[in-house]
Amino acid sequence: MREAEAWEAGEGEKARGLLDRQAEFLDRHVGLWAPHFVEKALSMAETDFYRGHLMMLRGFLAGELERIRLLLDDADLTYPDPIDVR
């Protein structure tokens, strides 16, 4: 919520700082173990239910990091369109 509130308040630099922290968290914490966990769990999953959720998790993590990187690379620090984040 804090990032969205910063964008809405026109505080682009604050929002960018929060995005930096999110990217760092994904890169340096979640990104270190989650991909291995997902692959190991996929190899052990016995039902499509769990396989599907694991694949969604894998896609979400990759997509979220990409979304953050695209926002950080955007030179225009205005509130991003919530549907089309490029």
N, C-alpha and C. Protein backbone atom coordinates (compact mmCIF):
# COMPACT_ATOMS: atom_id res chain seq x y z
N MET A 1 0.81 -1.18 0.00
CA MET A 1 0.00 0.00 0.00
C MET A 1 0.86 1.26 0.00
N ARG A 2 1.96 1.24 0.67
CA ARG A 2 2.76 2.45 0.77
C ARG A 2 3.24 2.93 -0.59
N GLU A 3 3.62 2.00 -1.45
CA GLU A 3 4.08 2.40 -2.79
C GLU A 3 2.94 3.07 -3.56
N ALA A 4 1.77 2.45 -3.55
CA ALA A 4 0.62 3.02 -4.26
C ALA A 4 0.25 4.39 -3.70
N GLU A 5 0.31 4.51 -2.38
CA GLU A 5 -0.01 5.80 -1.75
C GLU A 5 1.01 6.87 -2.16
N ALA A 6 2.26 6.50 -2.27
CA ALA A 6 3.29 7.45 -2.70
C ALA A 6 3.05 7.90 -4.13
N TRP A 7 2.72 6.95 -5.02
CA TRP A 7 2.41 7.31 -6.41
C TRP A 7 1.23 8.27 -6.45
N GLU A 8 0.18 7.92 -5.72
CA GLU A 8 -1.03 8.74 -5.74
C GLU A 8 -0.80 10.14 -5.19
N ALA A 9 0.13 10.27 -4.24
CA ALA A 9 0.45 11.57 -3.65
C ALA A 9 1.44 12.36 -4.50
N GLY A 10 1.85 11.79 -5.63
CA GLY A 10 2.81 12.47 -6.49
C GLY A 10 4.23 12.42 -5.97
N GLU A 11 4.51 11.49 -5.07
CA GLU A 11 5.84 11.34 -4.48
C GLU A 11 6.60 10.23 -5.21
N GLY A 12 6.99 10.53 -6.45
CA GLY A 12 7.64 9.54 -7.29
C GLY A 12 8.93 9.00 -6.73
N GLU A 13 9.74 9.86 -6.14
CA GLU A 13 11.02 9.40 -5.59
C GLU A 13 10.81 8.44 -4.42
N LYS A 14 9.83 8.75 -3.58
CA LYS A 14 9.52 7.85 -2.47
C LYS A 14 9.03 6.51 -3.01
N ALA A 15 8.15 6.55 -4.00
CA ALA A 15 7.64 5.32 -4.60
C ALA A 15 8.77 4.52 -5.22
N ARG A 16 9.68 5.21 -5.89
CA ARG A 16 10.83 4.53 -6.50
C ARG A 16 11.70 3.87 -5.43
N GLY A 17 11.90 4.55 -4.31
CA GLY A 17 12.66 3.95 -3.20
C GLY A 17 11.99 2.69 -2.67
N LEU A 18 10.68 2.72 -2.57
CA LEU A 18 9.95 1.54 -2.12
C LEU A 18 10.05 0.41 -3.14
N LEU A 19 10.02 0.76 -4.42
CA LEU A 19 10.20 -0.26 -5.47
C LEU A 19 11.60 -0.86 -5.39
N ASP A 20 12.59 -0.03 -5.14
CA ASP A 20 13.97 -0.52 -4.97
C ASP A 20 14.03 -1.55 -3.84
N ARG A 21 13.36 -1.25 -2.73
CA ARG A 21 13.36 -2.17 -1.59
C ARG A 21 12.65 -3.48 -1.93
N GLN A 22 11.55 -3.38 -2.69
CA GLN A 22 10.84 -4.59 -3.11
C GLN A 22 11.72 -5.45 -4.01
N ALA A 23 12.39 -4.81 -4.96
CA ALA A 23 13.26 -5.56 -5.89
C ALA A 23 14.40 -6.21 -5.13
N GLU A 24 14.97 -5.48 -4.18
CA GLU A 24 16.07 -6.04 -3.39
C GLU A 24 15.59 -7.24 -2.58
N PHE A 25 14.40 -7.15 -1.99
CA PHE A 25 13.85 -8.26 -1.22
C PHE A 25 13.64 -9.48 -2.12
N LEU A 26 13.09 -9.27 -3.30
CA LEU A 26 12.87 -10.39 -4.21
C LEU A 26 14.18 -10.99 -4.69
N ASP A 27 15.14 -10.13 -5.03
CA ASP A 27 16.44 -10.60 -5.52
C ASP A 27 17.26 -11.30 -4.46
N ARG A 28 17.34 -10.69 -3.28
CA ARG A 28 18.29 -11.15 -2.26
C ARG A 28 17.71 -12.09 -1.22
N HIS A 29 16.40 -12.23 -1.21
CA HIS A 29 15.80 -13.16 -0.23
C HIS A 29 14.96 -14.22 -0.93
N VAL A 30 13.80 -13.82 -1.40
CA VAL A 30 12.88 -14.77 -2.01
C VAL A 30 13.51 -15.43 -3.24
N GLY A 31 14.22 -14.64 -4.03
CA GLY A 31 14.83 -15.18 -5.24
C GLY A 31 15.92 -16.20 -5.01
N LEU A 32 16.45 -16.23 -3.79
CA LEU A 32 17.50 -17.20 -3.47
C LEU A 32 16.96 -18.59 -3.19
N TRP A 33 15.76 -18.68 -2.66
CA TRP A 33 15.24 -19.99 -2.30
C TRP A 33 13.95 -20.39 -3.01
N ALA A 34 13.12 -19.44 -3.36
CA ALA A 34 11.80 -19.79 -3.92
C ALA A 34 11.88 -20.59 -5.22
N PRO A 35 12.73 -20.21 -6.19
CA PRO A 35 12.78 -21.01 -7.42
C PRO A 35 13.16 -22.47 -7.16
N HIS A 36 14.09 -22.70 -6.24
CA HIS A 36 14.49 -24.07 -5.90
C HIS A 36 13.36 -24.81 -5.21
N PHE A 37 12.67 -24.10 -4.30
CA PHE A 37 11.53 -24.70 -3.62
C PHE A 37 10.46 -25.11 -4.62
N VAL A 38 10.12 -24.22 -5.55
CA VAL A 38 9.08 -24.51 -6.53
C VAL A 38 9.45 -25.72 -7.37
N GLU A 39 10.69 -25.76 -7.86
CA GLU A 39 11.11 -26.89 -8.70
C GLU A 39 11.09 -28.20 -7.93
N LYS A 40 11.57 -28.17 -6.69
CA LYS A 40 11.57 -29.39 -5.87
C LYS A 40 10.15 -29.84 -5.58
N ALA A 41 9.30 -28.87 -5.22
CA ALA A 41 7.91 -29.21 -4.92
C ALA A 41 7.19 -29.73 -6.16
N LEU A 42 7.49 -29.14 -7.33
CA LEU A 42 6.87 -29.63 -8.57
C LEU A 42 7.26 -31.09 -8.83
N SER A 43 8.49 -31.42 -8.53
CA SER A 43 8.94 -32.80 -8.77
C SER A 43 8.27 -33.78 -7.82
N MET A 44 7.73 -33.29 -6.71
CA MET A 44 7.10 -34.15 -5.72
C MET A 44 5.57 -34.06 -5.72
N ALA A 45 5.03 -33.06 -6.38
CA ALA A 45 3.58 -32.85 -6.37
C ALA A 45 2.87 -34.03 -7.04
N GLU A 46 1.83 -34.49 -6.40
CA GLU A 46 1.10 -35.65 -6.92
C GLU A 46 -0.22 -35.29 -7.57
N THR A 47 -0.63 -34.04 -7.45
CA THR A 47 -1.92 -33.65 -8.04
C THR A 47 -1.75 -32.39 -8.88
N ASP A 48 -2.66 -32.23 -9.82
CA ASP A 48 -2.66 -31.02 -10.64
C ASP A 48 -2.93 -29.78 -9.81
N PHE A 49 -3.69 -29.93 -8.74
CA PHE A 49 -3.98 -28.80 -7.86
C PHE A 49 -2.68 -28.16 -7.36
N TYR A 50 -1.80 -28.96 -6.80
CA TYR A 50 -0.54 -28.43 -6.27
C TYR A 50 0.40 -27.99 -7.39
N ARG A 51 0.47 -28.75 -8.46
CA ARG A 51 1.30 -28.35 -9.60
C ARG A 51 0.84 -27.00 -10.14
N GLY A 52 -0.45 -26.81 -10.26
CA GLY A 52 -0.98 -25.55 -10.76
C GLY A 52 -0.64 -24.38 -9.86
N HIS A 53 -0.78 -24.57 -8.56
CA HIS A 53 -0.45 -23.49 -7.63
C HIS A 53 1.05 -23.18 -7.63
N LEU A 54 1.85 -24.19 -7.74
CA LEU A 54 3.30 -23.96 -7.81
C LEU A 54 3.68 -23.22 -9.08
N MET A 55 3.05 -23.57 -10.18
CA MET A 55 3.34 -22.87 -11.44
C MET A 55 2.86 -21.41 -11.37
N MET A 56 1.73 -21.18 -10.69
CA MET A 56 1.27 -19.80 -10.50
C MET A 56 2.26 -19.02 -9.65
N LEU A 57 2.78 -19.65 -8.60
CA LEU A 57 3.77 -18.99 -7.75
C LEU A 57 5.02 -18.64 -8.54
N ARG A 58 5.50 -19.58 -9.33
CA ARG A 58 6.68 -19.33 -10.16
C ARG A 58 6.44 -18.16 -11.11
N GLY A 59 5.28 -18.16 -11.77
CA GLY A 59 4.95 -17.08 -12.68
C GLY A 59 4.78 -15.74 -11.98
N PHE A 60 4.15 -15.76 -10.81
CA PHE A 60 3.96 -14.52 -10.06
C PHE A 60 5.29 -13.90 -9.68
N LEU A 61 6.20 -14.71 -9.15
CA LEU A 61 7.49 -14.18 -8.71
C LEU A 61 8.26 -13.59 -9.88
N ALA A 62 8.29 -14.27 -11.00
CA ALA A 62 9.00 -13.75 -12.18
C ALA A 62 8.31 -12.49 -12.69
N GLY A 63 7.00 -12.51 -12.74
CA GLY A 63 6.26 -11.36 -13.24
C GLY A 63 6.38 -10.15 -12.34
N GLU A 64 6.36 -10.36 -11.04
CA GLU A 64 6.45 -9.24 -10.10
C GLU A 64 7.82 -8.58 -10.16
N LEU A 65 8.86 -9.36 -10.25
CA LEU A 65 10.19 -8.77 -10.37
C LEU A 65 10.33 -8.01 -11.68
N GLU A 66 9.79 -8.56 -12.75
CA GLU A 66 9.83 -7.87 -14.04
C GLU A 66 9.02 -6.58 -13.99
N ARG A 67 7.85 -6.61 -13.35
CA ARG A 67 7.02 -5.41 -13.21
C ARG A 67 7.78 -4.31 -12.47
N ILE A 68 8.43 -4.69 -11.39
CA ILE A 68 9.19 -3.71 -10.59
C ILE A 68 10.34 -3.15 -11.41
N ARG A 69 11.06 -4.01 -12.10
CA ARG A 69 12.19 -3.54 -12.91
C ARG A 69 11.74 -2.58 -14.01
N LEU A 70 10.61 -2.90 -14.65
CA LEU A 70 10.10 -2.00 -15.69
C LEU A 70 9.71 -0.65 -15.11
N LEU A 71 9.08 -0.65 -13.95
CA LEU A 71 8.72 0.61 -13.31
C LEU A 71 9.96 1.41 -12.93
N LEU A 72 10.97 0.73 -12.44
CA LEU A 72 12.21 1.41 -12.05
C LEU A 72 12.94 1.97 -13.27
N ASP A 73 12.83 1.29 -14.40
CA ASP A 73 13.49 1.76 -15.62
C ASP A 73 12.74 2.90 -16.28
N ASP A 74 11.49 3.09 -15.90
CA ASP A 74 10.66 4.13 -16.50
C ASP A 74 11.17 5.50 -16.06
N ALA A 75 11.54 6.34 -17.00
CA ALA A 75 12.07 7.67 -16.68
C ALA A 75 10.99 8.58 -16.12
N ASP A 76 9.74 8.37 -16.49
CA ASP A 76 8.63 9.20 -16.03
C ASP A 76 8.11 8.64 -14.72
N LEU A 77 8.38 9.32 -13.64
CA LEU A 77 8.00 8.84 -12.32
C LEU A 77 6.59 9.31 -11.95
N THR A 78 5.63 9.02 -12.78
CA THR A 78 4.24 9.31 -12.47
C THR A 78 3.56 8.03 -12.08
N TYR A 79 2.35 8.15 -11.55
CA TYR A 79 1.62 6.96 -11.13
C TYR A 79 1.38 6.05 -12.31
N PRO A 80 1.83 4.78 -12.25
CA PRO A 80 1.67 3.87 -13.38
C PRO A 80 0.23 3.45 -13.56
N ASP A 81 -0.14 3.17 -14.79
CA ASP A 81 -1.46 2.62 -15.09
C ASP A 81 -1.56 1.25 -14.43
N PRO A 82 -2.57 1.00 -13.60
CA PRO A 82 -2.65 -0.27 -12.89
C PRO A 82 -2.90 -1.47 -13.79
N ILE A 83 -3.30 -1.25 -15.03
CA ILE A 83 -3.54 -2.37 -15.93
C ILE A 83 -2.35 -2.60 -16.86
N ASP A 84 -1.83 -1.54 -17.44
CA ASP A 84 -0.73 -1.65 -18.39
C ASP A 84 0.54 -1.08 -17.78
N VAL A 85 1.34 -1.95 -17.13
CA VAL A 85 2.57 -1.50 -16.51
C VAL A 85 3.78 -1.72 -17.41
N ARG A 86 3.50 -1.96 -18.66
CA ARG A 86 4.49 -2.16 -19.73
C ARG A 86 5.18 -3.46 -19.52
